[in-house]
Amino acid sequence: MFQLLLVIIYLAFISLGLPDSLLGSAWPAMYQEFSVPVSYAGGISMIIAVGTIVSSLQSDRLTKSFGTGKVTAASVLMTAAALLGFSISHSYLSLCLWAVPYGLGAGSVDASLNNYVALHYASRHMSWLHCMWGVGASLGPYLMGYALTGGLGWNMGYRYIAILQIVLTFILIFSLPLWKKQGADNTGQADGDEKARPLSLRQIISIPGAKEVMVTFFCYCALEQTTGLWASSYLVLSRGLPAETAAGFASLFFIGITAGRALGGFLTIKLNDTQMIRLGQGFMLLGIALLFLPFGSTIALLGLIFVGLGCAPVYPSIIHSTPEHFGADKSQAMIGVQMASAYVGTCFMPPVFGFLANHISVSLFPVYLLAILALMVVMHEKMLPKVSANIMGGCL
């Protein structure tokens, strides 16, 4: 039964990735239909991000009240409803309204599932599960492209993903007894134990090491999203590559992340979470260093691959180490604020680089990434002694 539940969680992680890249792939066809500027995609993205931040911060309260299985099923259903709403929308305002449940559903399921896996499964599964997210994120644009090239329109692309989410919702509903059988559906508590009260944001931030891990997570997602968004522009405007070549190079960054997480699952058998994070940071540093070198497109290509490989272990390793560093009773709350910090970094830091590129130079791209990486390394290393004190205190 435990392995069957793991299969369902793998499917849920694929489902998490499916909608994440839909807007970007569909927007060139959508904005013309709605007669809005192309930049208006940012407004929808911001609404989704804000909803995700809010629901991530509430994940501790929701999971303690209803359990991971029910929160996951309800969140996927909410996302499915939002995707169906997108598919029948005929105005930009309608898209903005449907973006609210879209974001709220994504945040809760992400935080709850990550905490459950961190509590109950080995580090290799966390790495492979996030690899499955990459599979879903790659499959989403493929389905949208199939709908567009087949003359079915972007609406049908959203409908395809919504149907898949509805099917997963039914699977999750039928799997609810499996979550209960593990005896730990509420953040690791046995069914007979008294439920702990949800922690307030102030209580969470006051935990030793909490502020540092929040900044670490903020920096990681800022670096990942800035690289994904601006790599092509940097290669075209600073390195002089043709746009089509640059797009192919930039895609290798995401391939590096997905392949790195598949490989990382095996490395976790020998390396612990802290070692995996440091290894990832080392690869990121190497990749950024290669971007500084003026030795042609091959070196830039290697740089992006190494940055992607470096990004691969950081996210799943930080999540998986949370129960060990902060305690199983606080892990859901901690993962919730980590997710919120991640989405803040995702939301604001790529536009900040866009501002710098517009007013100074896009050549600052590797400098910007290096500054973010430096802060990430400093905050992660600063966190470790504090969480060691947490662990020692929990052993007394």
Protein backbone atom coordinates (compact mmCIF):
# COMPACT_ATOMS: atom_id res chain seq x y z
CA MET A 1 0.00 0.00 0.00
CA PHE A 2 2.87 2.33 0.85
CA GLN A 3 4.32 1.87 -2.67
CA LEU A 4 0.90 2.37 -4.29
CA LEU A 5 0.59 5.69 -2.48
CA LEU A 6 4.06 6.64 -3.74
CA VAL A 7 2.91 5.98 -7.33
CA ILE A 8 -0.09 8.28 -6.75
CA ILE A 9 2.22 10.98 -5.36
CA TYR A 10 4.42 10.64 -8.46
CA LEU A 11 1.31 11.21 -10.61
CA ALA A 12 0.43 14.22 -8.46
CA PHE A 13 3.87 15.75 -9.06
CA ILE A 14 3.47 15.32 -12.82
CA SER A 15 0.11 17.03 -12.42
CA LEU A 16 1.75 19.90 -10.54
CA GLY A 17 4.01 20.60 -13.50
CA LEU A 18 1.36 20.35 -16.22
CA PRO A 19 -0.18 23.85 -15.85
CA ASP A 20 3.02 25.70 -14.92
CA SER A 21 4.21 26.44 -18.46
CA LEU A 22 0.81 26.61 -20.18
CA LEU A 23 0.37 30.38 -20.05
CA GLY A 24 3.74 31.05 -21.67
CA SER A 25 3.12 28.58 -24.49
CA ALA A 26 -0.47 29.71 -25.14
CA TRP A 27 -0.16 33.47 -24.65
CA PRO A 28 1.04 34.34 -28.20
CA ALA A 29 -2.32 33.02 -29.43
CA MET A 30 -4.36 34.31 -26.47
CA TYR A 31 -3.41 37.99 -26.26
CA GLN A 32 -4.41 38.72 -29.85
CA GLU A 33 -7.84 37.21 -29.28
CA PHE A 34 -8.37 39.38 -26.19
CA SER A 35 -6.94 42.52 -27.87
CA VAL A 36 -4.53 43.25 -25.03
CA PRO A 37 -0.78 44.03 -25.09
CA VAL A 38 1.56 41.05 -24.93
CA SER A 39 2.89 42.32 -21.59
CA TYR A 40 -0.50 41.63 -19.93
CA ALA A 41 0.58 38.02 -19.36
CA GLY A 42 2.55 39.43 -16.44
CA GLY A 43 -0.65 40.50 -14.72
CA ILE A 44 -2.12 37.00 -14.83
CA SER A 45 1.17 35.53 -13.69
CA MET A 46 1.29 37.95 -10.74
CA ILE A 47 -2.25 37.03 -9.63
CA ILE A 48 -1.37 33.32 -9.75
CA ALA A 49 1.83 33.98 -7.79
CA VAL A 50 0.04 35.98 -5.08
CA GLY A 51 -2.59 33.23 -4.70
CA THR A 52 0.16 30.65 -4.43
CA ILE A 53 1.95 32.65 -1.73
CA VAL A 54 -1.27 33.03 0.29
CA SER A 55 -2.17 29.33 0.10
CA SER A 56 1.40 28.26 0.89
CA LEU A 57 1.29 30.30 4.10
CA GLN A 58 -2.02 28.62 5.01
CA SER A 59 -0.81 25.09 4.26
CA ASP A 60 0.09 24.32 7.88
CA ARG A 61 -3.40 25.25 9.10
CA LEU A 62 -5.15 23.38 6.28
CA THR A 63 -3.07 20.21 6.56
CA LYS A 64 -3.44 20.03 10.33
CA SER A 65 -7.21 20.45 9.96
CA PHE A 66 -7.93 18.17 7.01
CA GLY A 67 -4.85 16.04 6.32
CA THR A 68 -2.53 15.89 3.32
CA GLY A 69 -4.75 13.59 1.23
CA LYS A 70 -7.83 15.81 1.42
CA VAL A 71 -5.86 19.02 0.91
CA THR A 72 -4.16 17.54 -2.16
CA ALA A 73 -7.42 16.31 -3.68
CA ALA A 74 -9.23 19.61 -3.04
CA SER A 75 -6.31 21.65 -4.40
CA VAL A 76 -6.06 19.63 -7.61
CA LEU A 77 -9.84 19.95 -8.06
CA MET A 78 -9.57 23.72 -7.58
CA THR A 79 -6.80 23.89 -10.18
CA ALA A 80 -8.85 21.77 -12.59
CA ALA A 81 -11.82 24.11 -12.18
CA ALA A 82 -9.57 27.12 -12.84
CA LEU A 83 -8.16 25.52 -16.00
CA LEU A 84 -11.69 24.81 -17.24
CA GLY A 85 -12.48 28.43 -16.46
CA PHE A 86 -9.53 29.53 -18.59
CA SER A 87 -10.75 27.33 -21.43
CA ILE A 88 -14.15 29.05 -21.57
CA SER A 89 -12.93 32.61 -20.96
CA HIS A 90 -13.68 35.27 -23.55
CA SER A 91 -12.13 38.29 -21.84
CA TYR A 92 -8.91 39.24 -20.08
CA LEU A 93 -10.85 40.08 -16.91
CA SER A 94 -12.27 36.56 -16.85
CA LEU A 95 -8.75 35.13 -17.05
CA CYS A 96 -7.73 37.30 -14.09
CA LEU A 97 -10.66 36.04 -12.02
CA TRP A 98 -9.91 32.38 -12.80
CA ALA A 99 -6.25 33.00 -11.95
CA VAL A 100 -7.24 33.37 -8.28
CA PRO A 101 -8.31 29.71 -7.69
CA TYR A 102 -5.50 28.68 -10.04
CA GLY A 103 -2.91 30.13 -7.64
CA LEU A 104 -4.70 29.12 -4.44
CA GLY A 105 -4.89 25.51 -5.55
CA ALA A 106 -1.25 25.33 -6.64
CA GLY A 107 0.25 26.60 -3.39
CA SER A 108 -1.58 24.28 -1.00
CA VAL A 109 -0.92 21.08 -2.91
CA ASP A 110 2.74 21.95 -3.48
CA ALA A 111 3.50 22.62 0.19
CA SER A 112 1.42 19.70 1.54
CA LEU A 113 2.82 17.09 -0.84
CA ASN A 114 6.41 18.23 -0.36
CA ASN A 115 6.06 18.00 3.41
CA TYR A 116 4.48 14.55 3.25
CA VAL A 117 7.27 13.20 1.07
CA ALA A 118 9.92 14.85 3.26
CA LEU A 119 8.45 13.10 6.32
CA HIS A 120 7.82 9.65 4.89
CA TYR A 121 10.20 8.95 2.01
CA ALA A 122 13.95 8.89 1.36
CA SER A 123 15.76 11.83 -0.23
CA ARG A 124 16.05 10.03 -3.58
CA HIS A 125 12.26 10.04 -3.94
CA MET A 126 12.14 13.79 -3.34
CA SER A 127 14.66 14.28 -6.15
CA TRP A 128 12.85 11.94 -8.53
CA LEU A 129 9.47 13.46 -7.68
CA HIS A 130 10.73 16.90 -8.64
CA CYS A 131 12.08 15.33 -11.81
CA MET A 132 8.48 14.23 -12.47
CA TRP A 133 7.43 17.86 -12.05
CA GLY A 134 9.81 18.61 -14.92
CA VAL A 135 8.15 15.91 -16.99
CA GLY A 136 4.76 17.53 -16.38
CA ALA A 137 6.11 21.01 -17.14
CA SER A 138 7.45 19.68 -20.46
CA LEU A 139 4.26 17.78 -21.31
CA GLY A 140 1.99 20.82 -20.77
CA PRO A 141 3.39 22.90 -23.68
CA TYR A 142 3.41 19.78 -25.86
CA LEU A 143 -0.34 19.29 -25.33
CA MET A 144 -0.96 22.99 -25.92
CA GLY A 145 1.11 22.84 -29.11
CA TYR A 146 -0.88 19.81 -30.25
CA ALA A 147 -4.12 21.73 -29.76
CA LEU A 148 -2.81 24.82 -31.57
CA THR A 149 -1.26 23.03 -34.55
CA GLY A 150 -4.38 20.87 -34.88
CA GLY A 151 -6.53 23.95 -35.27
CA LEU A 152 -8.38 23.30 -31.99
CA GLY A 153 -7.30 26.55 -30.38
CA TRP A 154 -5.66 27.37 -27.04
CA ASN A 155 -8.99 26.76 -25.28
CA MET A 156 -8.77 23.05 -26.04
CA GLY A 157 -5.19 22.96 -24.79
CA TYR A 158 -6.35 24.18 -21.39
CA ARG A 159 -9.25 21.75 -21.53
CA TYR A 160 -6.91 18.80 -22.11
CA ILE A 161 -4.93 19.66 -18.98
CA ALA A 162 -8.13 20.28 -17.00
CA ILE A 163 -9.42 16.80 -17.92
CA LEU A 164 -6.16 15.23 -16.76
CA GLN A 165 -6.44 17.13 -13.49
CA ILE A 166 -10.03 15.95 -12.99
CA VAL A 167 -8.96 12.33 -13.55
CA LEU A 168 -6.21 12.80 -10.97
CA THR A 169 -8.73 14.30 -8.55
CA PHE A 170 -10.83 11.13 -8.69
CA ILE A 171 -7.69 9.00 -8.19
CA LEU A 172 -6.77 11.11 -5.14
CA ILE A 173 -10.28 10.85 -3.70
CA PHE A 174 -10.25 7.05 -4.02
CA SER A 175 -6.76 6.97 -2.48
CA LEU A 176 -7.76 8.81 0.73
CA PRO A 177 -7.87 5.57 2.78
CA LEU A 178 -4.23 4.96 1.81
CA TRP A 179 -3.17 8.26 3.37
CA LYS A 180 -5.02 7.34 6.56
CA LYS A 181 -3.40 3.91 6.73
CA GLN A 182 0.00 5.54 7.02
CA GLY A 183 -1.18 6.96 10.36
CA ALA A 184 0.42 10.30 9.61
CA ASP A 185 -1.89 12.31 7.43
CA ASN A 186 -1.58 15.38 9.63
CA THR A 187 2.07 16.45 9.42
CA GLY A 188 3.44 13.25 10.81
CA GLN A 189 1.13 12.84 13.78
CA ALA A 190 -0.40 9.49 14.53
CA ASP A 191 -4.16 9.33 14.39
CA GLY A 192 -4.51 8.99 18.14
CA ASP A 193 -2.28 11.96 18.95
CA GLU A 194 -3.61 15.34 19.84
CA LYS A 195 -3.31 17.73 16.93
CA ALA A 196 -0.79 20.52 17.36
CA ARG A 197 -2.00 24.05 16.83
CA PRO A 198 -0.92 25.73 13.60
CA LEU A 199 1.98 28.12 14.03
CA SER A 200 1.55 31.81 13.28
CA LEU A 201 3.89 33.49 10.79
CA ARG A 202 5.63 35.32 13.64
CA GLN A 203 6.20 32.03 15.50
CA ILE A 204 7.59 30.38 12.39
CA ILE A 205 10.01 33.21 11.62
CA SER A 206 11.26 33.18 15.22
CA ILE A 207 12.46 29.56 14.91
CA PRO A 208 16.28 29.49 14.76
CA GLY A 209 17.38 29.18 11.14
CA ALA A 210 13.96 30.03 9.68
CA LYS A 211 14.90 33.43 8.27
CA GLU A 212 18.06 32.03 6.75
CA VAL A 213 16.34 29.13 5.00
CA MET A 214 13.64 31.49 3.71
CA VAL A 215 16.29 33.71 2.12
CA THR A 216 18.09 30.62 0.77
CA PHE A 217 14.90 29.44 -0.89
CA PHE A 218 14.14 32.96 -2.16
CA CYS A 219 17.60 33.11 -3.77
CA TYR A 220 17.37 29.66 -5.32
CA CYS A 221 14.06 30.34 -7.07
CA ALA A 222 15.19 33.85 -8.05
CA LEU A 223 18.26 32.35 -9.74
CA GLU A 224 16.35 29.55 -11.44
CA GLN A 225 13.58 31.76 -12.80
CA THR A 226 15.91 34.59 -13.84
CA THR A 227 18.05 32.11 -15.77
CA GLY A 228 15.04 30.51 -17.41
CA LEU A 229 13.51 33.83 -18.42
CA TRP A 230 16.57 35.83 -19.50
CA ALA A 231 19.11 33.29 -20.79
CA SER A 232 17.93 33.58 -24.42
CA SER A 233 17.90 37.37 -24.34
CA TYR A 234 21.42 37.42 -22.86
CA LEU A 235 22.74 35.08 -25.55
CA VAL A 236 21.15 37.13 -28.36
CA LEU A 237 21.83 40.67 -27.12
CA SER A 238 25.19 40.13 -25.40
CA ARG A 239 26.72 37.16 -27.21
CA GLY A 240 25.23 37.84 -30.66
CA LEU A 241 23.67 34.41 -31.18
CA PRO A 242 20.71 34.00 -33.55
CA ALA A 243 17.38 33.93 -31.71
CA GLU A 244 16.57 30.35 -32.73
CA THR A 245 19.99 29.11 -31.58
CA ALA A 246 19.67 30.98 -28.29
CA ALA A 247 16.24 29.45 -27.65
CA GLY A 248 17.69 25.97 -28.10
CA PHE A 249 20.55 26.75 -25.73
CA ALA A 250 18.19 28.14 -23.10
CA SER A 251 16.07 24.99 -23.21
CA LEU A 252 19.16 23.01 -22.20
CA PHE A 253 19.03 24.77 -18.84
CA PHE A 254 15.69 23.08 -18.09
CA ILE A 255 16.93 19.79 -19.51
CA GLY A 256 19.87 20.11 -17.12
CA ILE A 257 17.50 20.51 -14.16
CA THR A 258 15.36 17.52 -15.12
CA ALA A 259 18.31 15.25 -15.92
CA GLY A 260 20.14 16.46 -12.81
CA ARG A 261 17.22 15.50 -10.58
CA ALA A 262 17.01 12.05 -12.15
CA LEU A 263 20.73 11.55 -11.49
CA GLY A 264 20.53 13.25 -8.10
CA GLY A 265 18.20 10.56 -6.80
CA PHE A 266 21.04 8.08 -7.09
CA LEU A 267 23.62 10.46 -5.58
CA THR A 268 21.49 10.88 -2.45
CA ILE A 269 22.22 7.23 -1.62
CA LYS A 270 25.80 8.34 -0.85
CA LEU A 271 25.39 12.05 -0.06
CA ASN A 272 23.19 13.76 2.54
CA ASP A 273 20.98 16.77 1.85
CA THR A 274 23.57 19.37 2.92
CA GLN A 275 26.21 17.79 0.69
CA MET A 276 23.77 17.73 -2.23
CA ILE A 277 22.99 21.43 -1.76
CA ARG A 278 26.69 22.32 -1.65
CA LEU A 279 27.36 20.19 -4.72
CA GLY A 280 24.57 21.99 -6.57
CA GLN A 281 25.91 25.38 -5.55
CA GLY A 282 29.36 24.36 -6.80
CA PHE A 283 27.95 23.42 -10.21
CA MET A 284 26.03 26.70 -10.35
CA LEU A 285 29.23 28.63 -9.62
CA LEU A 286 31.06 26.75 -12.37
CA GLY A 287 28.25 27.42 -14.85
CA ILE A 288 28.12 31.14 -14.04
CA ALA A 289 31.91 31.35 -14.31
CA LEU A 290 31.70 29.88 -17.81
CA LEU A 291 29.14 32.54 -18.76
CA PHE A 292 31.75 35.20 -17.91
CA LEU A 293 34.26 33.72 -20.37
CA PRO A 294 34.27 35.31 -23.85
CA PHE A 295 35.12 32.08 -25.68
CA GLY A 296 32.15 31.58 -27.96
CA SER A 297 28.79 29.86 -27.91
CA THR A 298 30.03 26.41 -26.84
CA ILE A 299 31.29 27.75 -23.52
CA ALA A 300 27.99 29.61 -22.97
CA LEU A 301 26.13 26.37 -23.75
CA LEU A 302 28.17 24.48 -21.16
CA GLY A 303 27.57 27.29 -18.68
CA LEU A 304 23.79 27.00 -18.94
CA ILE A 305 23.92 23.20 -18.68
CA PHE A 306 26.06 23.42 -15.53
CA VAL A 307 23.76 26.03 -13.99
CA GLY A 308 20.81 23.71 -14.67
CA LEU A 309 22.63 20.72 -13.21
CA GLY A 310 23.50 22.82 -10.17
CA CYS A 311 19.91 23.91 -9.67
CA ALA A 312 18.70 20.30 -9.79
CA PRO A 313 19.48 19.10 -6.23
CA VAL A 314 18.97 22.34 -4.29
CA TYR A 315 15.17 22.62 -4.20
CA PRO A 316 14.39 18.97 -3.32
CA SER A 317 17.27 18.77 -0.82
CA ILE A 318 16.19 21.88 1.11
CA ILE A 319 12.64 20.54 1.29
CA HIS A 320 13.69 17.04 2.31
CA SER A 321 15.97 18.34 5.08
CA THR A 322 13.23 20.48 6.66
CA PRO A 323 11.84 17.85 9.10
CA GLU A 324 15.37 17.00 10.25
CA HIS A 325 16.40 20.64 10.66
CA PHE A 326 13.23 22.04 12.22
CA GLY A 327 11.35 19.00 13.56
CA ALA A 328 8.51 16.95 12.07
CA ASP A 329 5.96 18.91 14.11
CA LYS A 330 7.06 22.19 12.50
CA SER A 331 7.96 20.95 9.03
CA GLN A 332 4.60 21.74 7.36
CA ALA A 333 4.69 25.30 8.65
CA MET A 334 8.32 25.71 7.60
CA ILE A 335 7.75 24.27 4.13
CA GLY A 336 4.77 26.60 3.73
CA VAL A 337 6.85 29.73 4.40
CA GLN A 338 9.70 28.34 2.28
CA MET A 339 7.30 27.93 -0.63
CA ALA A 340 5.98 31.45 -0.08
CA SER A 341 9.55 32.79 -0.09
CA ALA A 342 10.24 30.83 -3.27
CA TYR A 343 7.27 32.36 -5.07
CA VAL A 344 8.24 35.86 -3.93
CA GLY A 345 11.67 35.30 -5.48
CA THR A 346 10.08 33.90 -8.63
CA CYS A 347 7.70 36.84 -8.86
CA PHE A 348 10.00 39.79 -8.27
CA MET A 349 13.63 39.00 -9.07
CA PRO A 350 13.36 38.27 -12.84
CA PRO A 351 11.60 41.64 -13.40
CA VAL A 352 14.33 43.36 -11.37
CA PHE A 353 16.93 42.00 -13.79
CA GLY A 354 14.73 43.12 -16.68
CA PHE A 355 14.84 46.64 -15.26
CA LEU A 356 18.65 46.48 -14.95
CA ALA A 357 19.01 45.07 -18.46
CA ASN A 358 16.82 47.82 -19.87
CA HIS A 359 18.54 50.69 -18.06
CA ILE A 360 22.14 49.43 -17.85
CA SER A 361 22.99 46.31 -19.88
CA VAL A 362 21.85 42.74 -20.40
CA SER A 363 25.53 41.80 -20.05
CA LEU A 364 24.99 42.03 -16.28
CA PHE A 365 23.22 38.64 -16.47
CA PRO A 366 26.09 36.52 -15.04
CA VAL A 367 26.90 39.24 -12.47
CA TYR A 368 23.29 39.22 -11.27
CA LEU A 369 23.24 35.42 -11.02
CA LEU A 370 26.55 35.42 -9.13
CA ALA A 371 25.26 37.95 -6.59
CA ILE A 372 22.14 35.86 -5.95
CA LEU A 373 24.23 32.67 -5.63
CA ALA A 374 26.63 34.34 -3.19
CA LEU A 375 23.74 35.39 -0.93
CA MET A 376 22.24 31.89 -1.17
CA VAL A 377 25.52 30.25 -0.10
CA VAL A 378 26.06 32.67 2.79
CA MET A 379 22.53 32.24 4.15
CA HIS A 380 22.59 28.44 3.83
CA GLU A 381 25.91 28.17 5.66
CA LYS A 382 24.67 30.62 8.29
CA MET A 383 21.57 28.48 8.80
CA LEU A 384 23.38 25.19 9.44
CA PRO A 385 24.77 25.96 12.95
CA LYS A 386 21.37 27.25 14.04
CA VAL A 387 19.48 24.17 12.89
CA SER A 388 22.14 21.97 14.47
CA ALA A 389 21.15 23.58 17.77
CA ASN A 390 17.51 22.72 16.95
CA ILE A 391 18.43 19.09 16.33
CA MET A 392 20.47 18.85 19.52
CA GLY A 393 17.66 20.45 21.50
CA GLY A 394 15.21 17.91 20.08
CA CYS A 395 17.47 15.06 21.22
CA LEU A 396 17.64 16.22 24.85
